[in-house]
Protein backbone atom coordinates (compact mmCIF):
# COMPACT_ATOMS: atom_id res chain seq x y z
CA UNK A 1 78.62 197.22 154.17
CA UNK A 2 81.76 198.25 156.04
CA UNK A 3 81.49 202.02 156.34
CA UNK A 4 83.90 203.16 159.00
CA UNK A 5 86.50 201.90 161.41
CA UNK A 6 83.92 202.38 164.12
CA UNK A 7 85.04 203.07 167.61
CA UNK A 8 88.73 202.56 167.99
CA UNK A 9 89.87 202.44 171.59
CA UNK A 10 93.44 202.58 172.80
CA UNK A 11 94.60 203.31 176.34
CA UNK A 12 91.08 204.29 177.45
CA UNK A 13 90.55 206.80 174.61
CA UNK A 14 88.01 206.12 171.88
CA UNK A 15 87.86 207.83 168.47
CA UNK A 16 84.98 207.34 166.01
CA UNK A 17 85.71 208.24 162.38
CA UNK A 18 84.22 207.70 158.96
CA UNK A 19 84.87 208.76 155.38
CA UNK A 20 81.78 210.14 153.72
CA UNK A 21 81.60 210.61 149.99
CA UNK A 22 79.59 210.18 146.85
CA UNK A 23 80.59 209.84 143.22
CA UNK A 24 81.61 213.27 141.95
CA UNK A 25 82.57 214.56 145.41
CA UNK A 26 85.72 214.44 147.51
CA UNK A 27 85.93 211.82 150.23
CA UNK A 28 86.04 213.64 153.58
CA UNK A 29 87.05 212.11 156.92
CA UNK A 30 85.04 213.22 159.93
CA UNK A 31 84.61 212.21 163.53
CA UNK A 32 81.29 210.84 164.72
CA UNK A 33 79.44 211.19 167.99
CA UNK A 34 77.78 207.78 167.71
CA UNK A 35 79.83 204.62 167.47
CA UNK A 36 77.96 203.39 164.39
CA UNK A 37 74.81 203.91 162.38
CA UNK A 38 71.59 202.41 163.76
CA UNK A 39 71.09 198.91 162.43
CA UNK A 40 74.74 198.50 161.42
CA UNK A 41 76.44 195.18 161.95
CA UNK A 42 79.32 195.62 164.38
CA UNK A 43 82.41 193.42 164.21
CA UNK A 44 85.05 193.81 166.90
CA UNK A 45 88.57 193.09 165.74
CA UNK A 46 91.54 193.15 168.13
CA UNK A 47 94.36 195.07 166.47
CA UNK A 48 98.02 194.20 166.97
CA UNK A 49 98.79 197.93 167.13
CA UNK A 50 95.70 199.93 168.11
CA UNK A 51 97.89 202.92 168.95
CA UNK A 52 99.08 203.19 165.32
CA UNK A 53 95.51 202.79 164.07
CA UNK A 54 94.38 205.64 166.30
CA UNK A 55 97.31 207.76 165.12
CA UNK A 56 96.18 207.10 161.54
CA UNK A 57 92.66 208.26 162.45
CA UNK A 58 94.10 211.47 163.92
CA UNK A 59 96.28 212.00 160.83
CA UNK A 60 93.31 211.69 158.50
CA UNK A 61 91.19 213.98 160.69
CA UNK A 62 93.93 216.64 160.43
CA UNK A 63 94.07 216.24 156.64
CA UNK A 64 90.45 215.29 156.10
CA UNK A 65 90.19 215.47 152.29
CA UNK A 66 91.11 212.10 150.79
CA UNK A 67 90.54 213.33 147.25
CA UNK A 68 87.89 212.43 144.69
CA UNK A 69 85.57 209.54 145.56
CA UNK A 70 86.13 206.44 143.48
CA UNK A 71 83.94 203.36 143.80
CA UNK A 72 86.98 201.08 143.53
CA UNK A 73 89.92 202.91 145.08
CA UNK A 74 88.81 205.79 147.34
CA UNK A 75 85.66 205.33 149.41
CA UNK A 76 84.47 204.52 152.92
CA UNK A 77 85.67 200.93 152.66
CA UNK A 78 89.18 201.84 151.51
CA UNK A 79 89.38 204.34 154.39
CA UNK A 80 88.50 201.56 156.83
CA UNK A 81 91.15 199.35 155.24
CA UNK A 82 93.78 202.09 155.73
CA UNK A 83 92.97 202.30 159.45
CA UNK A 84 93.02 198.51 159.87
CA UNK A 85 96.33 198.29 157.99
CA UNK A 86 97.84 200.97 160.23
CA UNK A 87 96.69 198.83 163.16
CA UNK A 88 98.63 195.84 161.88
CA UNK A 89 96.05 193.87 159.89
């Protein structure tokens, strides 16, 4: 399962973020110390605009509440998609 944008590196700076939530709770963006959860599959994707993706991470960290969790429209996977889209995918 795709849970977070993982480490996103641009210009020598790396940011790790994830959106954690459960049904009935708000989806909250947070930074992580570790790049990914133990045992997670890691897929490296070159982004056309990693700078914009990192700016999106910073934006969501500043305004960390994404609103109520929704299994279809507001969850850890949709957060990852937002970061990838900001990066040009």
